[in-house]
């Protein structure tokens, strides 16, 4: 069983790659579970439990971490092999440590963890790389995923990795960054909007509603996944000055 959270396709691509490489045909979108308030997962008969998620603020995406904390994982066999794969633009920080602690509280040992560098979608701060650089990153990610799939197929353990991000920086992001990211102030819609409703459909937190065929962000509980912004077919959605930094959807996935 593979669980993944993906806004613009990187983690979805990793999940599909791993599923094919390890013959694991049970792939579940965490976005859908969160959106539909599913809080029970039955792992009976599963040999592996994979969790693939992006890195936000040098840690496991807070929406994913909160959901996994609340998730009841039923019937995980004592021999179940669990692993985490964390996508990021440069450094996965404490993602492994956070996932390890969450699973441990549920009686599950994290056997292996991996970082896969892929194009970053956080255009609130960073500009998109040029196409050549992004293609190079995606090619290198494929090579990394091949290595990872061999380890997972063989159910090998990997050594626990220590977080090298300074504690003061981790504290500051949790204290200041995450609260500000959850706020919906700054979202705007330009004249290109066609009222298609895709943003409402894909928002995992159910905070986008169409009013007069225009999206409205109803309350401050944003996942900051930016799915609405990147996947808008008319690039009509912006947050602050994000329009200056480009848009990104993994070219190898279909939503």
C-alpha atoms as a PDB file:
ATOM      1  CA  UNK A   1       0.000   0.000   0.000  1.00  0.00           C
ATOM      2  CA  UNK A   2       1.295   3.425  -0.975  1.00  0.00           C
ATOM      3  CA  UNK A   3      -0.122   6.661   0.437  1.00  0.00           C
ATOM      4  CA  UNK A   4       0.836   9.915  -1.203  1.00  0.00           C
ATOM      5  CA  UNK A   5       0.067  13.621  -0.883  1.00  0.00           C
ATOM      6  CA  UNK A   6       0.576  15.585  -4.065  1.00  0.00           C
ATOM      7  CA  UNK A   7      -0.498  19.034  -5.210  1.00  0.00           C
ATOM      8  CA  UNK A   8       1.442  19.398  -8.449  1.00  0.00           C
ATOM      9  CA  UNK A   9       2.493  15.839  -9.209  1.00  0.00           C
ATOM     10  CA  UNK A  10       5.937  15.151  -7.773  1.00  0.00           C
ATOM     11  CA  UNK A  11       4.835  12.804  -4.997  1.00  0.00           C
ATOM     12  CA  UNK A  12       2.169  11.288  -7.243  1.00  0.00           C
ATOM     13  CA  UNK A  13       4.837  10.489  -9.803  1.00  0.00           C
ATOM     14  CA  UNK A  14       7.016   8.872  -7.130  1.00  0.00           C
ATOM     15  CA  UNK A  15       4.064   6.783  -5.946  1.00  0.00           C
ATOM     16  CA  UNK A  16       3.275   5.581  -9.448  1.00  0.00           C
ATOM     17  CA  UNK A  17       6.937   4.810 -10.117  1.00  0.00           C
ATOM     18  CA  UNK A  18       7.287   2.810  -6.895  1.00  0.00           C
ATOM     19  CA  UNK A  19       3.998   1.003  -7.456  1.00  0.00           C
ATOM     20  CA  UNK A  20       5.150  -0.236 -10.834  1.00  0.00           C
ATOM     21  CA  UNK A  21       8.655  -1.115  -9.666  1.00  0.00           C
ATOM     22  CA  UNK A  22       7.503  -3.036  -6.574  1.00  0.00           C
ATOM     23  CA  UNK A  23       4.258  -4.478  -7.991  1.00  0.00           C
ATOM     24  CA  UNK A  24       2.255  -2.632  -5.352  1.00  0.00           C
ATOM     25  CA  UNK A  25      -1.058  -1.845  -7.012  1.00  0.00           C
ATOM     26  CA  UNK A  26      -2.762  -0.202  -4.050  1.00  0.00           C
ATOM     27  CA  UNK A  27      -2.126   3.544  -4.341  1.00  0.00           C
ATOM     28  CA  UNK A  28      -4.176   5.934  -2.208  1.00  0.00           C
ATOM     29  CA  UNK A  29      -4.260   9.725  -2.434  1.00  0.00           C
ATOM     30  CA  UNK A  30      -3.944  11.377   0.962  1.00  0.00           C
ATOM     31  CA  UNK A  31      -5.449  14.482  -0.630  1.00  0.00           C
ATOM     32  CA  UNK A  32      -8.669  12.516  -1.147  1.00  0.00           C
ATOM     33  CA  UNK A  33      -8.630  11.008   2.343  1.00  0.00           C
ATOM     34  CA  UNK A  34      -8.126  14.429   3.919  1.00  0.00           C
ATOM     35  CA  UNK A  35     -10.759  16.099   1.736  1.00  0.00           C
ATOM     36  CA  UNK A  36     -13.338  13.401   2.496  1.00  0.00           C
ATOM     37  CA  UNK A  37     -12.432  13.176   6.206  1.00  0.00           C
ATOM     38  CA  UNK A  38     -11.492   9.497   6.061  1.00  0.00           C
ATOM     39  CA  UNK A  39      -9.751   8.655   9.310  1.00  0.00           C
ATOM     40  CA  UNK A  40      -9.467   4.838   9.234  1.00  0.00           C
ATOM     41  CA  UNK A  41      -7.121   2.783   7.065  1.00  0.00           C
ATOM     42  CA  UNK A  42      -7.068  -1.017   7.019  1.00  0.00           C
ATOM     43  CA  UNK A  43      -3.656  -2.533   6.309  1.00  0.00           C
ATOM     44  CA  UNK A  44      -4.655  -6.151   6.746  1.00  0.00           C
ATOM     45  CA  UNK A  45      -2.643  -8.374   4.421  1.00  0.00           C
ATOM     46  CA  UNK A  46      -0.347  -5.557   3.271  1.00  0.00           C
ATOM     47  CA  UNK A  47       3.373  -6.361   3.038  1.00  0.00           C
ATOM     48  CA  UNK A  48       4.465  -2.742   2.764  1.00  0.00           C
ATOM     49  CA  UNK A  49       3.221   0.658   3.839  1.00  0.00           C
ATOM     50  CA  UNK A  50       4.743   3.544   1.913  1.00  0.00           C
ATOM     51  CA  UNK A  51       4.129   7.215   2.669  1.00  0.00           C
ATOM     52  CA  UNK A  52       5.219   9.693   0.027  1.00  0.00           C
ATOM     53  CA  UNK A  53       4.865  13.384   0.795  1.00  0.00           C
ATOM     54  CA  UNK A  54       6.445  16.772   0.145  1.00  0.00           C
ATOM     55  CA  UNK A  55       8.696  18.701   2.484  1.00  0.00           C
ATOM     56  CA  UNK A  56       7.343  22.024   3.759  1.00  0.00           C
ATOM     57  CA  UNK A  57       9.431  24.308   5.964  1.00  0.00           C
ATOM     58  CA  UNK A  58      12.139  21.628   6.368  1.00  0.00           C
ATOM     59  CA  UNK A  59       9.620  19.158   7.773  1.00  0.00           C
ATOM     60  CA  UNK A  60       6.813  16.819   6.796  1.00  0.00           C
ATOM     61  CA  UNK A  61       4.033  18.910   5.245  1.00  0.00           C
ATOM     62  CA  UNK A  62       1.965  19.993   8.248  1.00  0.00           C
ATOM     63  CA  UNK A  63      -1.331  18.951   6.688  1.00  0.00           C
ATOM     64  CA  UNK A  64       0.060  15.438   6.145  1.00  0.00           C
ATOM     65  CA  UNK A  65       1.545  15.269   9.641  1.00  0.00           C
ATOM     66  CA  UNK A  66      -1.728  16.365  11.268  1.00  0.00           C
ATOM     67  CA  UNK A  67      -3.715  13.873   9.215  1.00  0.00           C
ATOM     68  CA  UNK A  68      -1.408  10.949   9.958  1.00  0.00           C
ATOM     69  CA  UNK A  69      -1.585  11.762  13.662  1.00  0.00           C
ATOM     70  CA  UNK A  70      -5.375  11.439  13.516  1.00  0.00           C
ATOM     71  CA  UNK A  71      -5.419   8.399  11.226  1.00  0.00           C
ATOM     72  CA  UNK A  72      -6.310   5.013  12.730  1.00  0.00           C
ATOM     73  CA  UNK A  73      -4.196   2.396  11.007  1.00  0.00           C
ATOM     74  CA  UNK A  74      -5.888  -0.965  11.523  1.00  0.00           C
ATOM     75  CA  UNK A  75      -4.305  -4.410  11.287  1.00  0.00           C
ATOM     76  CA  UNK A  76      -0.705  -3.517  10.474  1.00  0.00           C
ATOM     77  CA  UNK A  77       1.019  -6.883  10.703  1.00  0.00           C
ATOM     78  CA  UNK A  78       4.135  -7.159  12.860  1.00  0.00           C
ATOM     79  CA  UNK A  79       6.170  -7.844   9.732  1.00  0.00           C
ATOM     80  CA  UNK A  80       4.858  -4.912   7.712  1.00  0.00           C
ATOM     81  CA  UNK A  81       7.671  -2.968   6.036  1.00  0.00           C
ATOM     82  CA  UNK A  82       7.123   0.787   6.199  1.00  0.00           C
ATOM     83  CA  UNK A  83       9.016   3.482   4.359  1.00  0.00           C
ATOM     84  CA  UNK A  84       8.855   7.189   3.661  1.00  0.00           C
ATOM     85  CA  UNK A  85       9.830   9.115   0.558  1.00  0.00           C
ATOM     86  CA  UNK A  86      10.083  12.879   0.821  1.00  0.00           C
ATOM     87  CA  UNK A  87      10.134  15.161  -2.199  1.00  0.00           C
ATOM     88  CA  UNK A  88      11.769  18.558  -1.929  1.00  0.00           C
ATOM     89  CA  UNK A  89      13.684  21.190  -3.839  1.00  0.00           C
ATOM     90  CA  UNK A  90      16.893  20.866  -1.851  1.00  0.00           C
ATOM     91  CA  UNK A  91      16.710  19.568   1.752  1.00  0.00           C
ATOM     92  CA  UNK A  92      14.112  17.333   3.415  1.00  0.00           C
ATOM     93  CA  UNK A  93      15.082  18.530   6.900  1.00  0.00           C
ATOM     94  CA  UNK A  94      13.276  16.685   9.684  1.00  0.00           C
ATOM     95  CA  UNK A  95      10.667  14.897   7.557  1.00  0.00           C
ATOM     96  CA  UNK A  96      12.058  11.495   8.421  1.00  0.00           C
ATOM     97  CA  UNK A  97      12.145  12.216  12.141  1.00  0.00           C
ATOM     98  CA  UNK A  98       8.579  13.470  12.178  1.00  0.00           C
ATOM     99  CA  UNK A  99       7.220  10.483  10.260  1.00  0.00           C
ATOM    100  CA  UNK A 100       9.212   8.082  12.403  1.00  0.00           C
ATOM    101  CA  UNK A 101       7.689   9.529  15.576  1.00  0.00           C
ATOM    102  CA  UNK A 102       4.135   9.502  14.219  1.00  0.00           C
ATOM    103  CA  UNK A 103       4.340   5.876  13.104  1.00  0.00           C
ATOM    104  CA  UNK A 104       6.041   4.834  16.328  1.00  0.00           C
ATOM    105  CA  UNK A 105       3.076   6.135  18.315  1.00  0.00           C
ATOM    106  CA  UNK A 106       0.926   3.808  16.220  1.00  0.00           C
ATOM    107  CA  UNK A 107       3.150   0.813  16.889  1.00  0.00           C
ATOM    108  CA  UNK A 108       4.755   0.849  13.441  1.00  0.00           C
ATOM    109  CA  UNK A 109       8.503   1.003  12.881  1.00  0.00           C
ATOM    110  CA  UNK A 110       9.800   3.108  10.002  1.00  0.00           C
ATOM    111  CA  UNK A 111      12.176   0.764   8.191  1.00  0.00           C
ATOM    112  CA  UNK A 112      13.521   3.105   5.543  1.00  0.00           C
ATOM    113  CA  UNK A 113      13.399   6.735   4.453  1.00  0.00           C
ATOM    114  CA  UNK A 114      14.557   8.544   1.335  1.00  0.00           C
ATOM    115  CA  UNK A 115      14.780  12.043  -0.103  1.00  0.00           C
ATOM    116  CA  UNK A 116      14.070  12.741  -3.766  1.00  0.00           C
ATOM    117  CA  UNK A 117      15.070  16.140  -5.148  1.00  0.00           C
ATOM    118  CA  UNK A 118      12.515  17.459  -7.642  1.00  0.00           C
ATOM    119  CA  UNK A 119      11.427  20.858  -8.993  1.00  0.00           C
ATOM    120  CA  UNK A 120      10.054  23.056  -6.206  1.00  0.00           C
ATOM    121  CA  UNK A 121       6.534  24.459  -6.507  1.00  0.00           C
ATOM    122  CA  UNK A 122       6.807  27.042  -3.706  1.00  0.00           C
ATOM    123  CA  UNK A 123       6.489  30.074  -5.947  1.00  0.00           C
ATOM    124  CA  UNK A 124       5.534  32.284  -3.022  1.00  0.00           C
ATOM    125  CA  UNK A 125       9.276  32.614  -2.447  1.00  0.00           C
ATOM    126  CA  UNK A 126      11.162  31.010  -5.333  1.00  0.00           C
ATOM    127  CA  UNK A 127      11.162  31.409  -9.093  1.00  0.00           C
ATOM    128  CA  UNK A 128      10.742  28.369 -11.274  1.00  0.00           C
ATOM    129  CA  UNK A 129      13.935  26.975 -12.759  1.00  0.00           C
ATOM    130  CA  UNK A 130      14.355  26.987 -16.519  1.00  0.00           C
ATOM    131  CA  UNK A 131      13.021  23.968 -18.450  1.00  0.00           C
ATOM    132  CA  UNK A 132      16.459  22.447 -18.956  1.00  0.00           C
ATOM    133  CA  UNK A 133      17.237  22.555 -15.237  1.00  0.00           C
ATOM    134  CA  UNK A 134      13.857  21.050 -14.346  1.00  0.00           C
ATOM    135  CA  UNK A 135      14.252  18.250 -16.869  1.00  0.00           C
ATOM    136  CA  UNK A 136      17.683  17.475 -15.451  1.00  0.00           C
ATOM    137  CA  UNK A 137      16.224  17.273 -11.934  1.00  0.00           C
ATOM    138  CA  UNK A 138      13.466  14.943 -13.122  1.00  0.00           C
ATOM    139  CA  UNK A 139      15.961  12.675 -14.892  1.00  0.00           C
ATOM    140  CA  UNK A 140      18.087  12.498 -11.740  1.00  0.00           C
ATOM    141  CA  UNK A 141      14.957  11.787  -9.701  1.00  0.00           C
ATOM    142  CA  UNK A 142      14.258   8.792 -11.935  1.00  0.00           C
ATOM    143  CA  UNK A 143      17.708   7.393 -11.227  1.00  0.00           C
ATOM    144  CA  UNK A 144      17.197   7.929  -7.507  1.00  0.00           C
ATOM    145  CA  UNK A 145      13.807   6.229  -7.620  1.00  0.00           C
ATOM    146  CA  UNK A 146      15.328   3.208  -9.354  1.00  0.00           C
ATOM    147  CA  UNK A 147      17.784   2.843  -6.461  1.00  0.00           C
ATOM    148  CA  UNK A 148      15.004   3.331  -3.911  1.00  0.00           C
ATOM    149  CA  UNK A 149      12.707   0.803  -5.558  1.00  0.00           C
ATOM    150  CA  UNK A 150      15.396  -1.889  -5.343  1.00  0.00           C
ATOM    151  CA  UNK A 151      15.812  -1.287  -1.614  1.00  0.00           C
ATOM    152  CA  UNK A 152      12.056  -1.296  -1.016  1.00  0.00           C
ATOM    153  CA  UNK A 153      11.482  -4.395  -3.150  1.00  0.00           C
ATOM    154  CA  UNK A 154      14.073  -6.209  -1.041  1.00  0.00           C
ATOM    155  CA  UNK A 155      12.607  -4.771   2.181  1.00  0.00           C
ATOM    156  CA  UNK A 156      15.966  -3.476   3.347  1.00  0.00           C
ATOM    157  CA  UNK A 157      16.352  -1.105   6.285  1.00  0.00           C
ATOM    158  CA  UNK A 158      18.181   2.194   5.960  1.00  0.00           C
ATOM    159  CA  UNK A 159      20.039   3.962   8.790  1.00  0.00           C
ATOM    160  CA  UNK A 160      18.100   6.678  10.604  1.00  0.00           C
ATOM    161  CA  UNK A 161      19.193  10.091   9.341  1.00  0.00           C
ATOM    162  CA  UNK A 162      19.680  13.022  11.685  1.00  0.00           C
ATOM    163  CA  UNK A 163      18.179  16.400  10.947  1.00  0.00           C
ATOM    164  CA  UNK A 164      20.941  18.880  10.110  1.00  0.00           C
ATOM    165  CA  UNK A 165      18.722  21.960  10.025  1.00  0.00           C
ATOM    166  CA  UNK A 166      19.492  24.264  12.996  1.00  0.00           C
ATOM    167  CA  UNK A 167      16.948  23.963  15.811  1.00  0.00           C
ATOM    168  CA  UNK A 168      16.409  27.717  15.900  1.00  0.00           C
ATOM    169  CA  UNK A 169      15.376  27.662  12.227  1.00  0.00           C
ATOM    170  CA  UNK A 170      12.996  24.741  12.805  1.00  0.00           C
ATOM    171  CA  UNK A 171      11.474  26.609  15.746  1.00  0.00           C
ATOM    172  CA  UNK A 172      11.076  29.815  13.739  1.00  0.00           C
ATOM    173  CA  UNK A 173       9.311  28.101  10.859  1.00  0.00           C
ATOM    174  CA  UNK A 174       6.802  26.424  13.187  1.00  0.00           C
ATOM    175  CA  UNK A 175       6.307  29.611  15.170  1.00  0.00           C
ATOM    176  CA  UNK A 176       5.947  32.057  12.293  1.00  0.00           C
ATOM    177  CA  UNK A 177       5.889  30.420   8.850  1.00  0.00           C
ATOM    178  CA  UNK A 178       3.193  27.791   9.332  1.00  0.00           C
ATOM    179  CA  UNK A 179       0.631  30.125  10.965  1.00  0.00           C
ATOM    180  CA  UNK A 180       1.105  32.626   8.146  1.00  0.00           C
ATOM    181  CA  UNK A 181       0.859  29.918   5.479  1.00  0.00           C
ATOM    182  CA  UNK A 182      -2.486  28.732   6.836  1.00  0.00           C
ATOM    183  CA  UNK A 183      -3.965  32.190   6.324  1.00  0.00           C
ATOM    184  CA  UNK A 184      -5.718  32.757   3.016  1.00  0.00           C
ATOM    185  CA  UNK A 185      -4.980  36.456   2.813  1.00  0.00           C
ATOM    186  CA  UNK A 186      -3.219  37.250  -0.441  1.00  0.00           C
ATOM    187  CA  UNK A 187      -5.116  34.888  -2.723  1.00  0.00           C
ATOM    188  CA  UNK A 188      -6.640  36.656  -5.703  1.00  0.00           C
ATOM    189  CA  UNK A 189      -8.341  35.773  -8.975  1.00  0.00           C
ATOM    190  CA  UNK A 190      -7.860  37.709 -12.188  1.00  0.00           C
ATOM    191  CA  UNK A 191     -10.091  38.209 -15.219  1.00  0.00           C
ATOM    192  CA  UNK A 192      -8.901  34.951 -16.816  1.00  0.00           C
ATOM    193  CA  UNK A 193     -11.064  32.882 -14.426  1.00  0.00           C
ATOM    194  CA  UNK A 194     -13.704  30.837 -16.280  1.00  0.00           C
ATOM    195  CA  UNK A 195     -15.479  29.520 -13.176  1.00  0.00           C
ATOM    196  CA  UNK A 196     -14.579  25.890 -13.939  1.00  0.00           C
ATOM    197  CA  UNK A 197     -14.522  24.944 -10.235  1.00  0.00           C
ATOM    198  CA  UNK A 198     -11.310  22.903 -10.425  1.00  0.00           C
ATOM    199  CA  UNK A 199      -9.804  24.826  -7.517  1.00  0.00           C
ATOM    200  CA  UNK A 200     -12.786  23.964  -5.315  1.00  0.00           C
ATOM    201  CA  UNK A 201     -12.620  20.324  -6.368  1.00  0.00           C
ATOM    202  CA  UNK A 202      -8.916  19.813  -5.650  1.00  0.00           C
ATOM    203  CA  UNK A 203      -8.568  21.804  -2.420  1.00  0.00           C
ATOM    204  CA  UNK A 204      -7.808  19.149   0.238  1.00  0.00           C
ATOM    205  CA  UNK A 205      -8.969  21.426   3.062  1.00  0.00           C
ATOM    206  CA  UNK A 206     -12.350  22.295   1.516  1.00  0.00           C
ATOM    207  CA  UNK A 207     -11.795  26.004   2.015  1.00  0.00           C
ATOM    208  CA  UNK A 208     -12.474  27.098  -1.569  1.00  0.00           C
ATOM    209  CA  UNK A 209     -16.072  27.709  -2.641  1.00  0.00           C
ATOM    210  CA  UNK A 210     -17.430  29.138  -5.866  1.00  0.00           C
ATOM    211  CA  UNK A 211     -19.528  32.252  -5.456  1.00  0.00           C
ATOM    212  CA  UNK A 212     -20.913  33.806  -8.634  1.00  0.00           C
ATOM    213  CA  UNK A 213     -18.572  31.476 -10.546  1.00  0.00           C
ATOM    214  CA  UNK A 214     -15.501  32.864  -8.781  1.00  0.00           C
ATOM    215  CA  UNK A 215     -13.449  31.069  -6.120  1.00  0.00           C
ATOM    216  CA  UNK A 216     -13.562  32.404  -2.585  1.00  0.00           C
ATOM    217  CA  UNK A 217     -11.189  31.225   0.176  1.00  0.00           C
ATOM    218  CA  UNK A 218     -13.566  30.867   3.085  1.00  0.00           C
ATOM    219  CA  UNK A 219     -11.352  30.509   6.159  1.00  0.00           C
ATOM    220  CA  UNK A 220      -7.758  30.271   7.385  1.00  0.00           C
ATOM    221  CA  UNK A 221      -6.907  26.596   7.158  1.00  0.00           C
ATOM    222  CA  UNK A 222      -4.832  26.531   3.977  1.00  0.00           C
ATOM    223  CA  UNK A 223      -2.552  23.551   3.348  1.00  0.00           C
ATOM    224  CA  UNK A 224      -0.297  25.875   1.344  1.00  0.00           C
ATOM    225  CA  UNK A 225       0.003  23.086  -1.193  1.00  0.00           C
ATOM    226  CA  UNK A 226      -0.729  25.626  -3.970  1.00  0.00           C
ATOM    227  CA  UNK A 227      -2.604  23.049  -6.045  1.00  0.00           C
ATOM    228  CA  UNK A 228      -5.256  25.653  -6.880  1.00  0.00           C
ATOM    229  CA  UNK A 229      -2.638  28.133  -8.052  1.00  0.00           C
ATOM    230  CA  UNK A 230      -0.512  25.797 -10.155  1.00  0.00           C
ATOM    231  CA  UNK A 231      -3.264  23.698 -11.686  1.00  0.00           C
ATOM    232  CA  UNK A 232      -5.675  26.467 -12.624  1.00  0.00           C
ATOM    233  CA  UNK A 233      -6.111  25.944 -16.390  1.00  0.00           C
ATOM    234  CA  UNK A 234      -6.096  29.696 -17.016  1.00  0.00           C
ATOM    235  CA  UNK A 235      -3.424  30.668 -14.451  1.00  0.00           C
ATOM    236  CA  UNK A 236      -6.065  32.951 -12.981  1.00  0.00           C
ATOM    237  CA  UNK A 237      -5.143  32.341  -9.320  1.00  0.00           C
ATOM    238  CA  UNK A 238      -2.341  34.178  -7.570  1.00  0.00           C
ATOM    239  CA  UNK A 239      -1.136  34.618  -4.042  1.00  0.00           C
ATOM    240  CA  UNK A 240       0.713  37.830  -3.483  1.00  0.00           C
ATOM    241  CA  UNK A 241       3.136  38.323  -6.362  1.00  0.00           C
ATOM    242  CA  UNK A 242       3.431  34.627  -7.198  1.00  0.00           C
ATOM    243  CA  UNK A 243       2.548  35.371 -10.821  1.00  0.00           C
ATOM    244  CA  UNK A 244       6.123  36.591 -11.267  1.00  0.00           C
ATOM    245  CA  UNK A 245       7.623  33.222 -10.334  1.00  0.00           C
ATOM    246  CA  UNK A 246       5.953  30.875 -12.813  1.00  0.00           C
ATOM    247  CA  UNK A 247       3.852  27.734 -12.451  1.00  0.00           C
ATOM    248  CA  UNK A 248       4.708  24.040 -12.174  1.00  0.00           C
ATOM    249  CA  UNK A 249       2.987  20.720 -12.795  1.00  0.00           C
ATOM    250  CA  UNK A 250       5.040  17.532 -13.049  1.00  0.00           C
ATOM    251  CA  UNK A 251       4.965  16.786 -16.788  1.00  0.00           C
ATOM    252  CA  UNK A 252       4.879  13.017 -16.262  1.00  0.00           C
ATOM    253  CA  UNK A 253       1.576  12.720 -14.386  1.00  0.00           C
ATOM    254  CA  UNK A 254      -2.088  12.963 -15.230  1.00  0.00           C
ATOM    255  CA  UNK A 255      -4.532  14.335 -12.693  1.00  0.00           C
END
